[in-house]
């Protein structure tokens, strides 16, 4: 009986520690919002055709309405399936946003649907991608970014992230 209580107490203690370690973000925590803008873009390189096509980008950005040196978006889009419904392609993203200092970055991943001949999502469309990490002042970033193609007026990327502690 005493051994059962010890085992039960140990299991409960481990459960509480585990629950605290993976506790979800509470409503009291406010996300950090970062607004990024850049001009309309074209890839700087495209390699391959069909599955495995890679489009590479390097784009100067402005952050929260301010332009500065060493603020840019770089990354790749890779075609995973060129035969999705409605004639679209499924592409994965590997995007890195650098916010003025190389140490201050956020990394974005995920997949989105694209028009087959387009370098980007269609004008007027938005996509939501996960923020999978950050460094420097964005250390431990987790959340999402909503990217909107405004056609000839460029792009907006609205980050809602919670930062590590």
C-alpha atoms as a PDB file:
ATOM      1  CA  UNK A   1       0.000   0.000   0.000  1.00  0.00           C
ATOM      2  CA  UNK A   2       2.818   2.417   0.918  1.00  0.00           C
ATOM      3  CA  UNK A   3       4.666   1.560  -2.319  1.00  0.00           C
ATOM      4  CA  UNK A   4       1.497   2.265  -4.305  1.00  0.00           C
ATOM      5  CA  UNK A   5       1.202   5.731  -2.707  1.00  0.00           C
ATOM      6  CA  UNK A   6       4.868   6.502  -3.472  1.00  0.00           C
ATOM      7  CA  UNK A   7       4.462   5.406  -7.082  1.00  0.00           C
ATOM      8  CA  UNK A   8       1.207   7.377  -7.420  1.00  0.00           C
ATOM      9  CA  UNK A   9       2.812  10.491  -5.903  1.00  0.00           C
ATOM     10  CA  UNK A  10       5.802  10.170  -8.261  1.00  0.00           C
ATOM     11  CA  UNK A  11       3.574   9.745 -11.325  1.00  0.00           C
ATOM     12  CA  UNK A  12       1.428  12.737 -10.332  1.00  0.00           C
ATOM     13  CA  UNK A  13       4.525  14.901  -9.743  1.00  0.00           C
ATOM     14  CA  UNK A  14       5.969  13.981 -13.128  1.00  0.00           C
ATOM     15  CA  UNK A  15       2.598  14.704 -14.739  1.00  0.00           C
ATOM     16  CA  UNK A  16       2.455  18.191 -13.221  1.00  0.00           C
ATOM     17  CA  UNK A  17       6.029  18.969 -14.302  1.00  0.00           C
ATOM     18  CA  UNK A  18       5.285  17.747 -17.821  1.00  0.00           C
ATOM     19  CA  UNK A  19       2.025  19.717 -18.000  1.00  0.00           C
ATOM     20  CA  UNK A  20       3.820  22.892 -16.904  1.00  0.00           C
ATOM     21  CA  UNK A  21       6.545  22.372 -19.512  1.00  0.00           C
ATOM     22  CA  UNK A  22       4.065  22.087 -22.386  1.00  0.00           C
ATOM     23  CA  UNK A  23       1.350  24.427 -21.108  1.00  0.00           C
ATOM     24  CA  UNK A  24      -0.341  26.358 -23.921  1.00  0.00           C
ATOM     25  CA  UNK A  25      -0.021  30.108 -24.278  1.00  0.00           C
ATOM     26  CA  UNK A  26      -2.462  31.751 -21.900  1.00  0.00           C
ATOM     27  CA  UNK A  27      -4.864  34.475 -22.897  1.00  0.00           C
ATOM     28  CA  UNK A  28      -2.899  36.888 -20.689  1.00  0.00           C
ATOM     29  CA  UNK A  29       0.154  36.624 -22.934  1.00  0.00           C
ATOM     30  CA  UNK A  30       0.067  39.097 -25.809  1.00  0.00           C
ATOM     31  CA  UNK A  31       1.704  38.304 -29.132  1.00  0.00           C
ATOM     32  CA  UNK A  32       4.291  40.566 -30.679  1.00  0.00           C
ATOM     33  CA  UNK A  33       3.078  41.978 -33.994  1.00  0.00           C
ATOM     34  CA  UNK A  34       5.603  42.787 -36.709  1.00  0.00           C
ATOM     35  CA  UNK A  35       4.502  44.302 -40.016  1.00  0.00           C
ATOM     36  CA  UNK A  36       6.717  43.755 -43.034  1.00  0.00           C
ATOM     37  CA  UNK A  37       6.295  45.282 -46.483  1.00  0.00           C
ATOM     38  CA  UNK A  38       8.160  44.840 -49.761  1.00  0.00           C
ATOM     39  CA  UNK A  39       7.748  45.648 -53.427  1.00  0.00           C
ATOM     40  CA  UNK A  40       6.339  43.148 -55.949  1.00  0.00           C
ATOM     41  CA  UNK A  41       8.862  40.394 -56.581  1.00  0.00           C
ATOM     42  CA  UNK A  42      10.221  37.921 -59.064  1.00  0.00           C
ATOM     43  CA  UNK A  43      12.520  35.042 -58.192  1.00  0.00           C
ATOM     44  CA  UNK A  44      16.215  35.737 -58.714  1.00  0.00           C
ATOM     45  CA  UNK A  45      16.685  32.134 -59.890  1.00  0.00           C
ATOM     46  CA  UNK A  46      14.508  29.205 -60.937  1.00  0.00           C
ATOM     47  CA  UNK A  47      15.942  25.716 -61.276  1.00  0.00           C
ATOM     48  CA  UNK A  48      14.239  22.529 -62.405  1.00  0.00           C
ATOM     49  CA  UNK A  49      10.788  21.765 -63.751  1.00  0.00           C
ATOM     50  CA  UNK A  50       7.757  20.016 -62.273  1.00  0.00           C
ATOM     51  CA  UNK A  51       8.291  18.401 -58.875  1.00  0.00           C
ATOM     52  CA  UNK A  52      11.432  19.843 -57.339  1.00  0.00           C
ATOM     53  CA  UNK A  53      11.354  23.212 -59.100  1.00  0.00           C
ATOM     54  CA  UNK A  54      13.096  25.691 -56.785  1.00  0.00           C
ATOM     55  CA  UNK A  55      12.486  29.436 -56.841  1.00  0.00           C
ATOM     56  CA  UNK A  56      15.012  31.542 -54.911  1.00  0.00           C
ATOM     57  CA  UNK A  57      14.269  35.028 -53.548  1.00  0.00           C
ATOM     58  CA  UNK A  58      16.205  37.928 -52.002  1.00  0.00           C
ATOM     59  CA  UNK A  59      14.032  40.967 -51.260  1.00  0.00           C
ATOM     60  CA  UNK A  60      14.733  44.190 -49.311  1.00  0.00           C
ATOM     61  CA  UNK A  61      11.955  44.821 -46.755  1.00  0.00           C
ATOM     62  CA  UNK A  62      10.636  47.599 -44.548  1.00  0.00           C
ATOM     63  CA  UNK A  63       9.626  46.719 -40.985  1.00  0.00           C
ATOM     64  CA  UNK A  64       6.828  48.508 -39.138  1.00  0.00           C
ATOM     65  CA  UNK A  65       6.972  51.239 -41.782  1.00  0.00           C
ATOM     66  CA  UNK A  66      10.742  51.798 -41.576  1.00  0.00           C
ATOM     67  CA  UNK A  67      13.355  50.929 -44.171  1.00  0.00           C
ATOM     68  CA  UNK A  68      16.913  50.248 -43.061  1.00  0.00           C
ATOM     69  CA  UNK A  69      20.065  48.556 -44.225  1.00  0.00           C
ATOM     70  CA  UNK A  70      20.248  44.815 -43.694  1.00  0.00           C
ATOM     71  CA  UNK A  71      16.485  44.238 -43.591  1.00  0.00           C
ATOM     72  CA  UNK A  72      15.587  41.559 -46.083  1.00  0.00           C
ATOM     73  CA  UNK A  73      13.672  38.390 -46.866  1.00  0.00           C
ATOM     74  CA  UNK A  74      15.500  35.488 -48.445  1.00  0.00           C
ATOM     75  CA  UNK A  75      14.450  31.955 -49.138  1.00  0.00           C
ATOM     76  CA  UNK A  76      13.152  29.310 -51.468  1.00  0.00           C
ATOM     77  CA  UNK A  77       9.860  27.891 -52.673  1.00  0.00           C
ATOM     78  CA  UNK A  78      10.008  24.247 -53.804  1.00  0.00           C
ATOM     79  CA  UNK A  79       7.287  22.610 -55.914  1.00  0.00           C
ATOM     80  CA  UNK A  80       6.064  19.432 -54.209  1.00  0.00           C
ATOM     81  CA  UNK A  81       3.041  18.593 -56.384  1.00  0.00           C
ATOM     82  CA  UNK A  82       2.286  20.327 -59.697  1.00  0.00           C
ATOM     83  CA  UNK A  83      -1.141  18.671 -60.083  1.00  0.00           C
ATOM     84  CA  UNK A  84      -3.318  19.897 -57.223  1.00  0.00           C
ATOM     85  CA  UNK A  85      -7.066  20.590 -57.629  1.00  0.00           C
ATOM     86  CA  UNK A  86      -8.025  23.627 -59.718  1.00  0.00           C
ATOM     87  CA  UNK A  87      -4.722  23.403 -61.621  1.00  0.00           C
ATOM     88  CA  UNK A  88      -2.665  24.684 -58.703  1.00  0.00           C
ATOM     89  CA  UNK A  89       0.763  23.644 -57.404  1.00  0.00           C
ATOM     90  CA  UNK A  90       1.706  22.796 -53.834  1.00  0.00           C
ATOM     91  CA  UNK A  91       4.956  24.508 -52.803  1.00  0.00           C
ATOM     92  CA  UNK A  92       6.901  24.395 -49.567  1.00  0.00           C
ATOM     93  CA  UNK A  93       8.599  27.500 -48.242  1.00  0.00           C
ATOM     94  CA  UNK A  94      11.875  28.044 -46.442  1.00  0.00           C
ATOM     95  CA  UNK A  95      11.904  31.782 -45.702  1.00  0.00           C
ATOM     96  CA  UNK A  96      14.200  33.817 -43.470  1.00  0.00           C
ATOM     97  CA  UNK A  97      13.351  37.390 -42.491  1.00  0.00           C
ATOM     98  CA  UNK A  98      16.352  39.414 -41.280  1.00  0.00           C
ATOM     99  CA  UNK A  99      15.481  42.491 -39.234  1.00  0.00           C
ATOM    100  CA  UNK A 100      18.473  44.830 -39.520  1.00  0.00           C
ATOM    101  CA  UNK A 101      21.047  42.682 -37.731  1.00  0.00           C
ATOM    102  CA  UNK A 102      21.945  39.188 -38.856  1.00  0.00           C
ATOM    103  CA  UNK A 103      21.265  37.897 -35.342  1.00  0.00           C
ATOM    104  CA  UNK A 104      17.639  39.200 -35.426  1.00  0.00           C
ATOM    105  CA  UNK A 105      15.796  36.717 -37.631  1.00  0.00           C
ATOM    106  CA  UNK A 106      12.518  34.828 -37.923  1.00  0.00           C
ATOM    107  CA  UNK A 107      12.208  31.618 -39.923  1.00  0.00           C
ATOM    108  CA  UNK A 108       8.984  30.683 -41.702  1.00  0.00           C
ATOM    109  CA  UNK A 109       8.026  27.321 -43.224  1.00  0.00           C
ATOM    110  CA  UNK A 110       4.886  25.580 -44.368  1.00  0.00           C
ATOM    111  CA  UNK A 111       3.128  24.936 -47.662  1.00  0.00           C
ATOM    112  CA  UNK A 112       0.791  26.954 -49.873  1.00  0.00           C
ATOM    113  CA  UNK A 113      -1.089  26.579 -53.134  1.00  0.00           C
ATOM    114  CA  UNK A 114       0.167  28.576 -56.131  1.00  0.00           C
ATOM    115  CA  UNK A 115      -0.936  29.155 -59.707  1.00  0.00           C
ATOM    116  CA  UNK A 116       1.196  26.782 -61.835  1.00  0.00           C
ATOM    117  CA  UNK A 117       2.900  29.437 -63.946  1.00  0.00           C
ATOM    118  CA  UNK A 118       3.164  32.021 -61.173  1.00  0.00           C
ATOM    119  CA  UNK A 119       6.266  32.823 -59.174  1.00  0.00           C
ATOM    120  CA  UNK A 120       4.063  33.721 -56.198  1.00  0.00           C
ATOM    121  CA  UNK A 121       0.509  33.305 -54.954  1.00  0.00           C
ATOM    122  CA  UNK A 122      -2.023  35.144 -57.080  1.00  0.00           C
ATOM    123  CA  UNK A 123      -2.519  38.896 -56.639  1.00  0.00           C
ATOM    124  CA  UNK A 124      -5.198  39.608 -54.043  1.00  0.00           C
ATOM    125  CA  UNK A 125      -4.606  36.293 -52.241  1.00  0.00           C
ATOM    126  CA  UNK A 126      -3.213  35.619 -48.761  1.00  0.00           C
ATOM    127  CA  UNK A 127      -1.521  32.613 -47.212  1.00  0.00           C
ATOM    128  CA  UNK A 128      -0.863  31.725 -43.574  1.00  0.00           C
ATOM    129  CA  UNK A 129       2.422  30.069 -42.648  1.00  0.00           C
ATOM    130  CA  UNK A 130       3.957  28.962 -39.347  1.00  0.00           C
ATOM    131  CA  UNK A 131       6.811  30.880 -37.756  1.00  0.00           C
ATOM    132  CA  UNK A 132       9.092  28.026 -36.790  1.00  0.00           C
ATOM    133  CA  UNK A 133      11.723  29.931 -34.855  1.00  0.00           C
ATOM    134  CA  UNK A 134      13.695  33.054 -34.310  1.00  0.00           C
ATOM    135  CA  UNK A 135      16.957  34.435 -32.981  1.00  0.00           C
ATOM    136  CA  UNK A 136      18.258  37.587 -31.343  1.00  0.00           C
ATOM    137  CA  UNK A 137      15.384  39.840 -30.300  1.00  0.00           C
ATOM    138  CA  UNK A 138      13.035  37.225 -31.819  1.00  0.00           C
ATOM    139  CA  UNK A 139      14.538  34.326 -29.875  1.00  0.00           C
ATOM    140  CA  UNK A 140      12.092  31.462 -29.439  1.00  0.00           C
ATOM    141  CA  UNK A 141       9.512  33.018 -31.767  1.00  0.00           C
ATOM    142  CA  UNK A 142       6.454  30.875 -32.373  1.00  0.00           C
ATOM    143  CA  UNK A 143       3.265  31.832 -34.134  1.00  0.00           C
ATOM    144  CA  UNK A 144       2.237  32.618 -37.684  1.00  0.00           C
ATOM    145  CA  UNK A 145       2.568  35.122 -40.483  1.00  0.00           C
ATOM    146  CA  UNK A 146      -0.178  36.140 -42.903  1.00  0.00           C
ATOM    147  CA  UNK A 147       1.321  37.093 -46.272  1.00  0.00           C
ATOM    148  CA  UNK A 148      -0.808  39.032 -48.769  1.00  0.00           C
ATOM    149  CA  UNK A 149       0.082  39.661 -52.400  1.00  0.00           C
ATOM    150  CA  UNK A 150      -1.180  43.138 -53.294  1.00  0.00           C
ATOM    151  CA  UNK A 151      -0.108  42.799 -56.935  1.00  0.00           C
ATOM    152  CA  UNK A 152       1.750  45.821 -58.287  1.00  0.00           C
ATOM    153  CA  UNK A 153       1.504  47.420 -54.801  1.00  0.00           C
ATOM    154  CA  UNK A 154       3.821  44.807 -53.273  1.00  0.00           C
ATOM    155  CA  UNK A 155       3.329  42.493 -50.303  1.00  0.00           C
ATOM    156  CA  UNK A 156       2.481  42.666 -46.629  1.00  0.00           C
ATOM    157  CA  UNK A 157       3.513  40.072 -44.050  1.00  0.00           C
ATOM    158  CA  UNK A 158       1.839  40.419 -40.638  1.00  0.00           C
ATOM    159  CA  UNK A 159       3.593  38.383 -37.951  1.00  0.00           C
ATOM    160  CA  UNK A 160       1.802  37.440 -34.710  1.00  0.00           C
ATOM    161  CA  UNK A 161       4.433  35.721 -32.567  1.00  0.00           C
ATOM    162  CA  UNK A 162       5.056  34.822 -28.970  1.00  0.00           C
ATOM    163  CA  UNK A 163       8.690  35.100 -27.957  1.00  0.00           C
ATOM    164  CA  UNK A 164      10.630  32.646 -25.795  1.00  0.00           C
ATOM    165  CA  UNK A 165      11.383  33.541 -22.212  1.00  0.00           C
END
